[in-house]
Structures are given as C-alpha cells and as structure tokens.
Amino acid sequence: MNIKLTDKLYYSIGEVAKAFNVNPSLLRYWEQEFPVIKPKKNKKGNRYFTSEDIKNLKIIYHLVKEKGYTLDGARITLATNTKISETISMIDRLEFVKSELLKLKESLNVEI
C-alpha cells in the first residue's frame, strides 16, 4: 500500500480517494461502518480528513482490500487487536525497503 499525501492538516475526500485509488463513495461508506473515521465537515458538508483519519483508513484498507476481511471482521480486528497499527507501520516500512532495493537492482542492471 503506497499512499502518497503531502503533509497537510486536512485532506479533501477527493485527495484521499485518489491516494487510496478508491471511489469517494467507498470512503463515505467506511465512514458509516467504522466509528474511528470521523472527518471534519464544513458548513457545506464537505469532508476533510485528518492524518489520524488517514492512519485509520490505511488500517481498514489493509484489512479489507489486501487481507480480504469482511467489514465485520475488520471492525472486530480494530476493536480487539491493539497492535494492528504497528503491523501496518511495519508493512509500510518493509514495502519502502523493497522499493529501494528494486531501484538499486535496476540501477545496477543485474538480474537476480
């Protein structure tokens, strides 16, 4: 999961949807299904996600899209597994290391 967002206080639903490569409607649905996602809303009703929301969305995305959990299973895992955010963080770091190693391999033009 390679989520690239610039450092800002708030992200629009379009920015977040583009970063996760999903439709904004899916984010709105997850907002209803998972109480940990609480984007701020302005007077017009536009949603603005904080970095904490993004962190929670990464966890939900990993569980539902990558691991194949049902929404109920993901909700239970979020409630019971306190180390899930550490696991996601570790996966992100390992993916970064993998991408750096692949870049190094490509620059050396060596086939493994």
N, C-alpha and C. Protein backbone atom coordinates (compact mmCIF):
# COMPACT_ATOMS: atom_id res chain seq x y z
N MET A 1 0.87 -1.16 0.00
CA MET A 1 0.00 0.00 0.00
C MET A 1 0.91 1.22 0.00
N ASN A 2 0.87 1.94 -1.07
CA ASN A 2 1.73 3.11 -1.22
C ASN A 2 0.87 4.36 -1.25
N ILE A 3 0.64 4.96 -0.11
CA ILE A 3 -0.20 6.14 -0.01
C ILE A 3 0.71 7.36 0.04
N LYS A 4 0.57 8.22 -0.96
CA LYS A 4 1.41 9.42 -1.01
C LYS A 4 0.52 10.66 -0.89
N LEU A 5 0.60 11.27 0.26
CA LEU A 5 -0.12 12.52 0.51
C LEU A 5 0.88 13.52 1.08
N THR A 6 0.75 14.76 0.66
CA THR A 6 1.62 15.80 1.21
C THR A 6 1.23 16.06 2.66
N ASP A 7 2.14 16.65 3.41
CA ASP A 7 1.85 16.94 4.81
C ASP A 7 0.95 18.17 4.91
N LYS A 8 -0.28 17.92 5.30
CA LYS A 8 -1.25 18.98 5.49
C LYS A 8 -2.06 18.66 6.74
N LEU A 9 -2.79 19.64 7.23
CA LEU A 9 -3.67 19.38 8.36
C LEU A 9 -4.91 18.61 7.94
N TYR A 10 -5.47 18.98 6.80
CA TYR A 10 -6.70 18.35 6.33
C TYR A 10 -6.58 17.98 4.86
N TYR A 11 -7.21 16.85 4.51
CA TYR A 11 -7.23 16.37 3.14
C TYR A 11 -8.68 16.25 2.69
N SER A 12 -8.95 16.66 1.46
CA SER A 12 -10.31 16.54 0.95
C SER A 12 -10.59 15.08 0.62
N ILE A 13 -11.84 14.74 0.48
CA ILE A 13 -12.22 13.37 0.19
C ILE A 13 -11.69 12.94 -1.18
N GLY A 14 -11.58 13.89 -2.11
CA GLY A 14 -11.04 13.58 -3.43
C GLY A 14 -9.56 13.22 -3.37
N GLU A 15 -8.81 13.97 -2.56
CA GLU A 15 -7.39 13.67 -2.40
C GLU A 15 -7.18 12.30 -1.77
N VAL A 16 -7.96 12.00 -0.76
CA VAL A 16 -7.83 10.73 -0.06
C VAL A 16 -8.24 9.58 -0.98
N ALA A 17 -9.33 9.75 -1.69
CA ALA A 17 -9.80 8.70 -2.60
C ALA A 17 -8.76 8.43 -3.69
N LYS A 18 -8.16 9.48 -4.20
CA LYS A 18 -7.13 9.32 -5.23
C LYS A 18 -5.90 8.62 -4.67
N ALA A 19 -5.51 8.96 -3.45
CA ALA A 19 -4.34 8.35 -2.82
C ALA A 19 -4.55 6.85 -2.59
N PHE A 20 -5.76 6.48 -2.20
CA PHE A 20 -6.08 5.07 -1.96
C PHE A 20 -6.56 4.35 -3.22
N ASN A 21 -6.75 5.09 -4.29
CA ASN A 21 -7.23 4.53 -5.56
C ASN A 21 -8.60 3.85 -5.38
N VAL A 22 -9.50 4.55 -4.70
CA VAL A 22 -10.87 4.08 -4.49
C VAL A 22 -11.82 5.23 -4.82
N ASN A 23 -13.10 4.92 -4.89
CA ASN A 23 -14.10 5.95 -5.12
C ASN A 23 -14.40 6.68 -3.80
N PRO A 24 -14.73 7.97 -3.90
CA PRO A 24 -15.11 8.70 -2.68
C PRO A 24 -16.31 8.08 -1.97
N SER A 25 -17.19 7.43 -2.74
CA SER A 25 -18.35 6.80 -2.12
C SER A 25 -17.93 5.68 -1.17
N LEU A 26 -16.85 4.99 -1.47
CA LEU A 26 -16.36 3.94 -0.57
C LEU A 26 -15.89 4.54 0.75
N LEU A 27 -15.23 5.69 0.67
CA LEU A 27 -14.79 6.36 1.90
C LEU A 27 -15.97 6.82 2.74
N ARG A 28 -17.01 7.32 2.07
CA ARG A 28 -18.21 7.73 2.80
C ARG A 28 -18.88 6.52 3.45
N TYR A 29 -18.87 5.38 2.75
CA TYR A 29 -19.46 4.16 3.30
C TYR A 29 -18.66 3.68 4.51
N TRP A 30 -17.33 3.66 4.38
CA TRP A 30 -16.49 3.25 5.50
C TRP A 30 -16.67 4.18 6.69
N GLU A 31 -16.93 5.44 6.41
CA GLU A 31 -17.17 6.40 7.49
C GLU A 31 -18.39 5.98 8.31
N GLN A 32 -19.41 5.46 7.64
CA GLN A 32 -20.61 4.99 8.33
C GLN A 32 -20.36 3.69 9.09
N GLU A 33 -19.52 2.82 8.52
CA GLU A 33 -19.30 1.49 9.08
C GLU A 33 -18.28 1.45 10.20
N PHE A 34 -17.32 2.35 10.20
CA PHE A 34 -16.25 2.34 11.18
C PHE A 34 -16.27 3.65 11.99
N PRO A 35 -16.57 3.55 13.27
CA PRO A 35 -16.67 4.77 14.08
C PRO A 35 -15.34 5.49 14.29
N VAL A 36 -14.20 4.84 13.98
CA VAL A 36 -12.91 5.51 14.16
C VAL A 36 -12.65 6.56 13.09
N ILE A 37 -13.40 6.53 12.01
CA ILE A 37 -13.24 7.52 10.94
C ILE A 37 -14.24 8.64 11.17
N LYS A 38 -13.70 9.80 11.52
CA LYS A 38 -14.56 10.95 11.82
C LYS A 38 -14.01 12.19 11.14
N PRO A 39 -14.24 12.33 9.82
CA PRO A 39 -13.72 13.52 9.15
C PRO A 39 -14.48 14.77 9.60
N LYS A 40 -13.77 15.88 9.57
CA LYS A 40 -14.40 17.16 9.86
C LYS A 40 -15.28 17.53 8.66
N LYS A 41 -16.37 18.24 8.93
CA LYS A 41 -17.24 18.69 7.85
C LYS A 41 -17.43 20.20 7.98
N ASN A 42 -17.40 20.88 6.82
CA ASN A 42 -17.66 22.32 6.85
C ASN A 42 -19.17 22.56 6.72
N LYS A 43 -19.55 23.80 6.60
CA LYS A 43 -20.97 24.13 6.54
C LYS A 43 -21.66 23.55 5.32
N LYS A 44 -20.90 23.37 4.25
CA LYS A 44 -21.47 22.78 3.03
C LYS A 44 -21.55 21.26 3.11
N GLY A 45 -20.91 20.67 4.12
CA GLY A 45 -20.94 19.22 4.28
C GLY A 45 -19.74 18.52 3.65
N ASN A 46 -18.77 19.30 3.15
CA ASN A 46 -17.57 18.68 2.58
C ASN A 46 -16.73 18.05 3.69
N ARG A 47 -16.24 16.86 3.40
CA ARG A 47 -15.45 16.14 4.39
C ARG A 47 -13.97 16.50 4.26
N TYR A 48 -13.33 16.67 5.41
CA TYR A 48 -11.89 16.91 5.45
C TYR A 48 -11.27 15.95 6.46
N PHE A 49 -10.38 15.10 5.96
CA PHE A 49 -9.78 14.06 6.76
C PHE A 49 -8.48 14.53 7.40
N THR A 50 -8.27 14.15 8.65
CA THR A 50 -7.04 14.48 9.36
C THR A 50 -6.03 13.34 9.15
N SER A 51 -4.81 13.54 9.59
CA SER A 51 -3.80 12.49 9.46
C SER A 51 -4.17 11.27 10.30
N GLU A 52 -4.88 11.46 11.39
CA GLU A 52 -5.37 10.33 12.20
C GLU A 52 -6.40 9.52 11.41
N ASP A 53 -7.28 10.21 10.68
CA ASP A 53 -8.24 9.52 9.83
C ASP A 53 -7.52 8.72 8.75
N ILE A 54 -6.47 9.31 8.17
CA ILE A 54 -5.70 8.64 7.12
C ILE A 54 -5.06 7.37 7.68
N LYS A 55 -4.52 7.47 8.89
CA LYS A 55 -3.91 6.30 9.53
C LYS A 55 -4.94 5.19 9.71
N ASN A 56 -6.13 5.55 10.17
CA ASN A 56 -7.20 4.56 10.35
C ASN A 56 -7.67 4.00 9.02
N LEU A 57 -7.74 4.84 8.00
CA LEU A 57 -8.13 4.36 6.68
C LEU A 57 -7.10 3.39 6.12
N LYS A 58 -5.82 3.63 6.39
CA LYS A 58 -4.78 2.68 5.95
C LYS A 58 -5.00 1.32 6.57
N ILE A 59 -5.32 1.31 7.85
CA ILE A 59 -5.56 0.05 8.54
C ILE A 59 -6.77 -0.66 7.95
N ILE A 60 -7.85 0.07 7.76
CA ILE A 60 -9.07 -0.52 7.20
C ILE A 60 -8.82 -1.00 5.78
N TYR A 61 -8.13 -0.20 4.98
CA TYR A 61 -7.82 -0.59 3.60
C TYR A 61 -7.00 -1.88 3.60
N HIS A 62 -6.01 -1.95 4.48
CA HIS A 62 -5.16 -3.15 4.54
C HIS A 62 -6.00 -4.38 4.89
N LEU A 63 -6.84 -4.25 5.90
CA LEU A 63 -7.64 -5.39 6.34
C LEU A 63 -8.66 -5.82 5.29
N VAL A 64 -9.36 -4.86 4.70
CA VAL A 64 -10.46 -5.18 3.79
C VAL A 64 -9.96 -5.49 2.38
N LYS A 65 -9.13 -4.64 1.83
CA LYS A 65 -8.72 -4.79 0.43
C LYS A 65 -7.55 -5.74 0.24
N GLU A 66 -6.58 -5.71 1.15
CA GLU A 66 -5.39 -6.53 0.96
C GLU A 66 -5.49 -7.89 1.64
N LYS A 67 -6.06 -7.94 2.83
CA LYS A 67 -6.18 -9.20 3.56
C LYS A 67 -7.49 -9.93 3.28
N GLY A 68 -8.48 -9.23 2.72
CA GLY A 68 -9.75 -9.86 2.36
C GLY A 68 -10.72 -10.03 3.51
N TYR A 69 -10.57 -9.24 4.57
CA TYR A 69 -11.50 -9.32 5.69
C TYR A 69 -12.87 -8.79 5.27
N THR A 70 -13.91 -9.29 5.92
CA THR A 70 -15.23 -8.68 5.76
C THR A 70 -15.24 -7.41 6.60
N LEU A 71 -16.24 -6.57 6.41
CA LEU A 71 -16.31 -5.35 7.21
C LEU A 71 -16.49 -5.67 8.68
N ASP A 72 -17.30 -6.70 8.99
CA ASP A 72 -17.46 -7.10 10.38
C ASP A 72 -16.15 -7.61 10.96
N GLY A 73 -15.42 -8.40 10.19
CA GLY A 73 -14.14 -8.92 10.64
C GLY A 73 -13.13 -7.81 10.88
N ALA A 74 -13.11 -6.83 9.98
CA ALA A 74 -12.21 -5.69 10.14
C ALA A 74 -12.58 -4.87 11.37
N ARG A 75 -13.87 -4.70 11.59
CA ARG A 75 -14.33 -3.94 12.76
C ARG A 75 -13.92 -4.64 14.05
N ILE A 76 -14.07 -5.97 14.09
CA ILE A 76 -13.69 -6.74 15.27
C ILE A 76 -12.18 -6.69 15.48
N THR A 77 -11.42 -6.81 14.40
CA THR A 77 -9.97 -6.76 14.50
C THR A 77 -9.50 -5.40 15.02
N LEU A 78 -10.12 -4.33 14.53
CA LEU A 78 -9.77 -2.99 15.01
C LEU A 78 -10.05 -2.85 16.51
N ALA A 79 -11.14 -3.46 16.95
CA ALA A 79 -11.53 -3.33 18.35
C ALA A 79 -10.67 -4.20 19.28
N THR A 80 -10.23 -5.37 18.80
CA THR A 80 -9.56 -6.31 19.69
C THR A 80 -8.04 -6.31 19.55
N ASN A 81 -7.52 -6.04 18.38
CA ASN A 81 -6.07 -6.11 18.15
C ASN A 81 -5.45 -4.74 18.33
N THR A 82 -4.77 -4.56 19.44
CA THR A 82 -4.18 -3.25 19.74
C THR A 82 -2.89 -3.00 18.96
N LYS A 83 -2.28 -4.04 18.41
CA LYS A 83 -1.02 -3.88 17.70
C LYS A 83 -1.19 -3.80 16.19
N ILE A 84 -2.40 -3.64 15.71
CA ILE A 84 -2.64 -3.62 14.26
C ILE A 84 -1.96 -2.42 13.62
N SER A 85 -1.94 -1.27 14.29
CA SER A 85 -1.30 -0.09 13.70
C SER A 85 0.21 -0.29 13.60
N GLU A 86 0.80 -0.99 14.57
CA GLU A 86 2.22 -1.31 14.50
C GLU A 86 2.51 -2.25 13.33
N THR A 87 1.62 -3.20 13.11
CA THR A 87 1.77 -4.14 11.99
C THR A 87 1.72 -3.40 10.66
N ILE A 88 0.78 -2.49 10.52
CA ILE A 88 0.65 -1.71 9.28
C ILE A 88 1.88 -0.85 9.08
N SER A 89 2.37 -0.25 10.15
CA SER A 89 3.57 0.57 10.06
C SER A 89 4.76 -0.26 9.61
N MET A 90 4.89 -1.46 10.14
CA MET A 90 5.98 -2.35 9.75
C MET A 90 5.85 -2.75 8.27
N ILE A 91 4.66 -3.02 7.82
CA ILE A 91 4.44 -3.38 6.42
C ILE A 91 4.83 -2.21 5.52
N ASP A 92 4.46 -0.99 5.90
CA ASP A 92 4.83 0.19 5.11
C ASP A 92 6.34 0.33 5.01
N ARG A 93 7.04 0.14 6.13
CA ARG A 93 8.49 0.25 6.11
C ARG A 93 9.13 -0.83 5.25
N LEU A 94 8.60 -2.06 5.34
CA LEU A 94 9.14 -3.15 4.52
C LEU A 94 8.89 -2.91 3.03
N GLU A 95 7.73 -2.36 2.70
CA GLU A 95 7.46 -2.03 1.30
C GLU A 95 8.40 -0.94 0.80
N PHE A 96 8.72 0.01 1.65
CA PHE A 96 9.66 1.06 1.27
C PHE A 96 11.04 0.47 1.02
N VAL A 97 11.49 -0.41 1.91
CA VAL A 97 12.79 -1.05 1.74
C VAL A 97 12.81 -1.87 0.45
N LYS A 98 11.73 -2.59 0.19
CA LYS A 98 11.64 -3.38 -1.04
C LYS A 98 11.74 -2.50 -2.27
N SER A 99 11.03 -1.37 -2.27
CA SER A 99 11.08 -0.48 -3.43
C SER A 99 12.48 0.10 -3.61
N GLU A 100 13.15 0.43 -2.52
CA GLU A 100 14.52 0.95 -2.61
C GLU A 100 15.48 -0.11 -3.15
N LEU A 101 15.31 -1.34 -2.71
CA LEU A 101 16.16 -2.42 -3.21
C LEU A 101 15.90 -2.68 -4.69
N LEU A 102 14.65 -2.59 -5.10
CA LEU A 102 14.34 -2.77 -6.52
C LEU A 102 14.94 -1.65 -7.36
N LYS A 103 14.93 -0.43 -6.84
CA LYS A 103 15.57 0.69 -7.55
C LYS A 103 17.06 0.46 -7.67
N LEU A 104 17.68 -0.02 -6.60
CA LEU A 104 19.11 -0.30 -6.61
C LEU A 104 19.44 -1.40 -7.61
N LYS A 105 18.63 -2.44 -7.63
CA LYS A 105 18.82 -3.53 -8.58
C LYS A 105 18.71 -3.02 -10.01
N GLU A 106 17.71 -2.17 -10.24
CA GLU A 106 17.51 -1.61 -11.58
C GLU A 106 18.67 -0.73 -12.00
N SER A 107 19.21 0.03 -11.06
CA SER A 107 20.33 0.90 -11.40
C SER A 107 21.61 0.11 -11.69
N LEU A 108 21.72 -1.07 -11.10
CA LEU A 108 22.89 -1.91 -11.34
C LEU A 108 22.72 -2.78 -12.59
N ASN A 109 21.50 -2.88 -13.10
CA ASN A 109 21.20 -3.72 -14.25
C ASN A 109 21.63 -5.16 -14.03
N VAL A 110 21.34 -5.67 -12.87
CA VAL A 110 21.69 -7.03 -12.53
C VAL A 110 20.40 -7.83 -12.36
N GLU A 111 20.34 -8.99 -12.96
CA GLU A 111 19.16 -9.83 -12.80
C GLU A 111 19.44 -10.85 -11.70
N ILE A 112 18.45 -10.99 -10.85
CA ILE A 112 18.59 -11.96 -9.76
C ILE A 112 17.78 -13.18 -10.09
